[in-house]
Structures are given as C-alpha cells and as structure tokens.
Amino acid sequence: MKLHRSMQVALAALALAAGARAEVVVIVAKSNPVTALSAEQVAQIYMGASNAFPGGGGATPLDQPEGSAVRDEFLARVLEKNPAQVKAVWSRLIFSGKGTKPRTLAGSADVKKAVAADPMAIGFVERSALDDTVKAVLSVK
C-alpha cells in the first residue's frame, strides 16, 4: 500500500510524539514525612478513594489544567484512565456528596509552589520542573 507524502509525514510526527513522552513525577512538600508512594496509592488519592497519606495525615491533591500534556500523561500512566473517565468519576462523587475534586492550578510552576507551601498537598509535574523546593515520591516514565 502506497502512502501519500503528507500521510507519511503525519505518521512520522505521531511516532515521534509517542516516543517523546515526558517523565511525570508526583511531588510533596519537603516537610511531608512521606518518602515514596505507589501508583495505586496516588490513584486512590486522585480518584477520591482516599483522602490521606499512608500513615495518616490528610492529602490535598492538586491538578493541572485539562488538556495539558503532563496531565494527560499522569492520567494515562498513574490513574490508567483518560480525561473523560476521570471527569465521569468526579461527577458521580461530587453529585453524591462524597468528594471534592482536586483543585486545578495554572501549570507546573503553580503546582510546585503550592505543594512546597503546604505539607499536606500532593501534585504532579514534569521531571524537568522538579527542583529542591519539593520532593518526588513517585516517578513514572
């Protein structure tokens, strides 16, 4: 089967984009006693199944904007859901009064700043945004 040149270029661009995924890190404040979390523990916090860190202490999840690449990677790799599935879960939880969806911030810089300032906050950013103001508790490649 012969592909048109434009189709070949489009397929090549898709292949590059799929291979160029950013590494996502889940972060907490340096003062938070948690040193590591599993993807399952993070998913429970972000999907409303748990509102606490292991060992106690309330967890305040922070989200990135809908449609952002880091959010889409986080949803796919950690929550194993797409944006529509996550929205549906939170719609049910909010409607039933059983949860409050994570607060959405403008981007990684804002998430990192909010997490650094709140020992109960948890967020996710691209590895490239990680610095010594916060600590990574889960890395997803």
C-alpha atoms as a PDB file:
ATOM      1  CA  MET A   1       0.000   0.000   0.000  1.00  0.00           C
ATOM      2  CA  LYS A   2       1.442   3.322  -1.059  1.00  0.00           C
ATOM      3  CA  LEU A   3       1.037   6.268   1.324  1.00  0.00           C
ATOM      4  CA  HIS A   4       0.861   9.859   0.200  1.00  0.00           C
ATOM      5  CA  ARG A   5       3.756  12.024   1.314  1.00  0.00           C
ATOM      6  CA  SER A   6       1.521  14.035   3.691  1.00  0.00           C
ATOM      7  CA  MET A   7       0.308  10.819   5.312  1.00  0.00           C
ATOM      8  CA  GLN A   8       3.890   9.640   5.761  1.00  0.00           C
ATOM      9  CA  VAL A   9       4.834  12.929   7.442  1.00  0.00           C
ATOM     10  CA  ALA A  10       1.788  12.740   9.741  1.00  0.00           C
ATOM     11  CA  LEU A  11       2.590   9.169  10.774  1.00  0.00           C
ATOM     12  CA  ALA A  12       6.220  10.063  11.440  1.00  0.00           C
ATOM     13  CA  ALA A  13       5.129  13.010  13.612  1.00  0.00           C
ATOM     14  CA  LEU A  14       2.795  10.748  15.597  1.00  0.00           C
ATOM     15  CA  ALA A  15       5.560   8.216  16.144  1.00  0.00           C
ATOM     16  CA  LEU A  16       7.915  10.933  17.403  1.00  0.00           C
ATOM     17  CA  ALA A  17       5.269  12.366  19.714  1.00  0.00           C
ATOM     18  CA  ALA A  18       4.506   8.941  21.173  1.00  0.00           C
ATOM     19  CA  GLY A  19       8.179   8.314  21.876  1.00  0.00           C
ATOM     20  CA  ALA A  20       8.805  11.763  23.353  1.00  0.00           C
ATOM     21  CA  ARG A  21       6.629  11.468  26.431  1.00  0.00           C
ATOM     22  CA  ALA A  22       7.763  13.467  29.385  1.00  0.00           C
ATOM     23  CA  GLU A  23       8.560  11.735  32.629  1.00  0.00           C
ATOM     24  CA  VAL A  24       5.985  12.663  35.265  1.00  0.00           C
ATOM     25  CA  VAL A  25       6.866  12.945  38.944  1.00  0.00           C
ATOM     26  CA  VAL A  26       4.441  13.083  41.849  1.00  0.00           C
ATOM     27  CA  ILE A  27       5.598  15.607  44.421  1.00  0.00           C
ATOM     28  CA  VAL A  28       5.023  16.532  48.067  1.00  0.00           C
ATOM     29  CA  ALA A  29       6.487  19.197  50.336  1.00  0.00           C
ATOM     30  CA  LYS A  30       9.954  18.563  51.697  1.00  0.00           C
ATOM     31  CA  SER A  31       8.454  18.643  55.212  1.00  0.00           C
ATOM     32  CA  ASN A  32       5.975  15.865  54.393  1.00  0.00           C
ATOM     33  CA  PRO A  33       7.144  12.628  56.079  1.00  0.00           C
ATOM     34  CA  VAL A  34       6.128  10.501  53.075  1.00  0.00           C
ATOM     35  CA  THR A  35       9.178   9.380  51.105  1.00  0.00           C
ATOM     36  CA  ALA A  36       7.569   7.160  48.476  1.00  0.00           C
ATOM     37  CA  LEU A  37       4.116   6.307  47.137  1.00  0.00           C
ATOM     38  CA  SER A  38       2.968   3.605  44.760  1.00  0.00           C
ATOM     39  CA  ALA A  39       0.962   4.452  41.665  1.00  0.00           C
ATOM     40  CA  GLU A  40      -2.002   2.728  43.331  1.00  0.00           C
ATOM     41  CA  GLN A  41      -1.759   4.955  46.424  1.00  0.00           C
ATOM     42  CA  VAL A  42      -1.569   8.081  44.277  1.00  0.00           C
ATOM     43  CA  ALA A  43      -4.515   6.891  42.170  1.00  0.00           C
ATOM     44  CA  GLN A  44      -6.605   6.372  45.320  1.00  0.00           C
ATOM     45  CA  ILE A  45      -5.897   9.950  46.410  1.00  0.00           C
ATOM     46  CA  TYR A  46      -6.621  11.426  42.971  1.00  0.00           C
ATOM     47  CA  MET A  47      -9.764   9.350  42.372  1.00  0.00           C
ATOM     48  CA  GLY A  48     -11.361  10.153  45.724  1.00  0.00           C
ATOM     49  CA  ALA A  49     -10.956   6.666  47.226  1.00  0.00           C
ATOM     50  CA  SER A  50      -8.630   8.022  49.934  1.00  0.00           C
ATOM     51  CA  ASN A  51      -8.032  11.471  51.352  1.00  0.00           C
ATOM     52  CA  ALA A  52      -4.985  10.608  53.434  1.00  0.00           C
ATOM     53  CA  PHE A  53      -1.328   9.790  53.045  1.00  0.00           C
ATOM     54  CA  PRO A  54      -0.164   6.360  54.254  1.00  0.00           C
ATOM     55  CA  GLY A  55       0.413   6.585  57.973  1.00  0.00           C
ATOM     56  CA  GLY A  56      -2.176   9.320  58.386  1.00  0.00           C
ATOM     57  CA  GLY A  57      -2.450  12.944  57.527  1.00  0.00           C
ATOM     58  CA  GLY A  58      -4.885  14.431  55.071  1.00  0.00           C
ATOM     59  CA  ALA A  59      -3.843  14.670  51.449  1.00  0.00           C
ATOM     60  CA  THR A  60      -4.799  17.663  49.321  1.00  0.00           C
ATOM     61  CA  PRO A  61      -4.434  16.721  45.632  1.00  0.00           C
ATOM     62  CA  LEU A  62      -3.655  19.451  43.119  1.00  0.00           C
ATOM     63  CA  ASP A  63      -4.391  19.098  39.420  1.00  0.00           C
ATOM     64  CA  GLN A  64      -3.001  20.519  36.203  1.00  0.00           C
ATOM     65  CA  PRO A  65      -5.194  22.156  33.516  1.00  0.00           C
ATOM     66  CA  GLU A  66      -7.368  19.929  31.323  1.00  0.00           C
ATOM     67  CA  GLY A  67      -5.663  19.168  28.028  1.00  0.00           C
ATOM     68  CA  SER A  68      -2.136  19.768  29.316  1.00  0.00           C
ATOM     69  CA  ALA A  69       0.400  17.164  28.246  1.00  0.00           C
ATOM     70  CA  VAL A  70       1.602  16.480  31.798  1.00  0.00           C
ATOM     71  CA  ARG A  71      -1.986  15.903  32.990  1.00  0.00           C
ATOM     72  CA  ASP A  72      -2.760  13.554  30.121  1.00  0.00           C
ATOM     73  CA  GLU A  73       0.418  11.565  30.864  1.00  0.00           C
ATOM     74  CA  PHE A  74      -0.411  11.443  34.584  1.00  0.00           C
ATOM     75  CA  LEU A  75      -3.962  10.243  33.940  1.00  0.00           C
ATOM     76  CA  ALA A  76      -2.829   7.560  31.488  1.00  0.00           C
ATOM     77  CA  ARG A  77       0.203   6.279  33.389  1.00  0.00           C
ATOM     78  CA  VAL A  78      -0.787   6.658  37.038  1.00  0.00           C
ATOM     79  CA  LEU A  79      -4.584   6.612  37.089  1.00  0.00           C
ATOM     80  CA  GLU A  80      -4.819   4.396  33.988  1.00  0.00           C
ATOM     81  CA  LYS A  81      -7.764   6.474  32.783  1.00  0.00           C
ATOM     82  CA  ASN A  82      -8.474   9.009  30.070  1.00  0.00           C
ATOM     83  CA  PRO A  83      -9.770  12.527  30.811  1.00  0.00           C
ATOM     84  CA  ALA A  84     -13.417  11.587  30.131  1.00  0.00           C
ATOM     85  CA  GLN A  85     -13.245   8.662  32.569  1.00  0.00           C
ATOM     86  CA  VAL A  86     -11.760  10.853  35.306  1.00  0.00           C
ATOM     87  CA  LYS A  87     -14.405  13.518  34.717  1.00  0.00           C
ATOM     88  CA  ALA A  88     -17.162  10.886  34.985  1.00  0.00           C
ATOM     89  CA  VAL A  89     -15.805   9.535  38.286  1.00  0.00           C
ATOM     90  CA  TRP A  90     -15.585  13.005  39.801  1.00  0.00           C
ATOM     91  CA  SER A  91     -19.040  13.962  38.521  1.00  0.00           C
ATOM     92  CA  ARG A  92     -20.508  10.978  40.388  1.00  0.00           C
ATOM     93  CA  LEU A  93     -18.541  11.708  43.573  1.00  0.00           C
ATOM     94  CA  ILE A  94     -19.475  15.380  43.599  1.00  0.00           C
ATOM     95  CA  PHE A  95     -23.147  14.697  42.787  1.00  0.00           C
ATOM     96  CA  SER A  96     -23.366  12.145  45.610  1.00  0.00           C
ATOM     97  CA  GLY A  97     -21.617  14.493  48.044  1.00  0.00           C
ATOM     98  CA  LYS A  98     -18.788  12.012  48.572  1.00  0.00           C
ATOM     99  CA  GLY A  99     -15.916  14.095  47.350  1.00  0.00           C
ATOM    100  CA  THR A 100     -14.375  17.341  46.232  1.00  0.00           C
ATOM    101  CA  LYS A 101     -12.348  17.203  43.056  1.00  0.00           C
ATOM    102  CA  PRO A 102      -8.692  18.251  43.148  1.00  0.00           C
ATOM    103  CA  ARG A 103      -8.072  21.974  42.785  1.00  0.00           C
ATOM    104  CA  THR A 104      -6.761  22.842  39.330  1.00  0.00           C
ATOM    105  CA  LEU A 105      -3.820  25.221  39.092  1.00  0.00           C
ATOM    106  CA  ALA A 106      -2.435  27.017  36.038  1.00  0.00           C
ATOM    107  CA  GLY A 107       0.569  24.754  35.440  1.00  0.00           C
ATOM    108  CA  SER A 108       3.611  23.015  36.862  1.00  0.00           C
ATOM    109  CA  ALA A 109       5.172  26.155  38.361  1.00  0.00           C
ATOM    110  CA  ASP A 110       1.981  26.887  40.318  1.00  0.00           C
ATOM    111  CA  VAL A 111       1.593  23.256  41.404  1.00  0.00           C
ATOM    112  CA  LYS A 112       5.188  23.125  42.612  1.00  0.00           C
ATOM    113  CA  LYS A 113       4.817  26.416  44.512  1.00  0.00           C
ATOM    114  CA  ALA A 114       1.558  25.304  46.183  1.00  0.00           C
ATOM    115  CA  VAL A 115       2.997  21.898  47.145  1.00  0.00           C
ATOM    116  CA  ALA A 116       6.145  23.483  48.586  1.00  0.00           C
ATOM    117  CA  ALA A 117       3.973  25.732  50.777  1.00  0.00           C
ATOM    118  CA  ASP A 118       1.588  23.030  52.067  1.00  0.00           C
ATOM    119  CA  PRO A 119       2.847  19.833  53.768  1.00  0.00           C
ATOM    120  CA  MET A 120      -0.480  18.110  53.033  1.00  0.00           C
ATOM    121  CA  ALA A 121      -0.520  18.933  49.300  1.00  0.00           C
ATOM    122  CA  ILE A 122       0.326  16.453  46.568  1.00  0.00           C
ATOM    123  CA  GLY A 123       0.799  17.292  42.921  1.00  0.00           C
ATOM    124  CA  PHE A 124       2.460  16.191  39.722  1.00  0.00           C
ATOM    125  CA  VAL A 125       4.848  17.929  37.342  1.00  0.00           C
ATOM    126  CA  GLU A 126       7.243  17.091  34.536  1.00  0.00           C
ATOM    127  CA  ARG A 127      10.594  15.814  35.832  1.00  0.00           C
ATOM    128  CA  SER A 128      12.222  18.839  34.192  1.00  0.00           C
ATOM    129  CA  ALA A 129      10.227  21.116  36.560  1.00  0.00           C
ATOM    130  CA  LEU A 130      11.467  19.313  39.685  1.00  0.00           C
ATOM    131  CA  ASP A 131      13.772  21.276  41.983  1.00  0.00           C
ATOM    132  CA  ASP A 132      14.846  21.274  45.631  1.00  0.00           C
ATOM    133  CA  THR A 133      11.721  23.095  46.884  1.00  0.00           C
ATOM    134  CA  VAL A 134       9.750  19.814  46.801  1.00  0.00           C
ATOM    135  CA  LYS A 135      10.491  16.077  46.791  1.00  0.00           C
ATOM    136  CA  ALA A 136       9.442  13.389  44.337  1.00  0.00           C
ATOM    137  CA  VAL A 137       7.593  10.422  45.845  1.00  0.00           C
ATOM    138  CA  LEU A 138       6.777   8.651  42.561  1.00  0.00           C
ATOM    139  CA  SER A 139       8.375   8.795  39.145  1.00  0.00           C
ATOM    140  CA  VAL A 140       6.541   7.462  36.103  1.00  0.00           C
ATOM    141  CA  LYS A 141       8.376   7.014  32.811  1.00  0.00           C
END
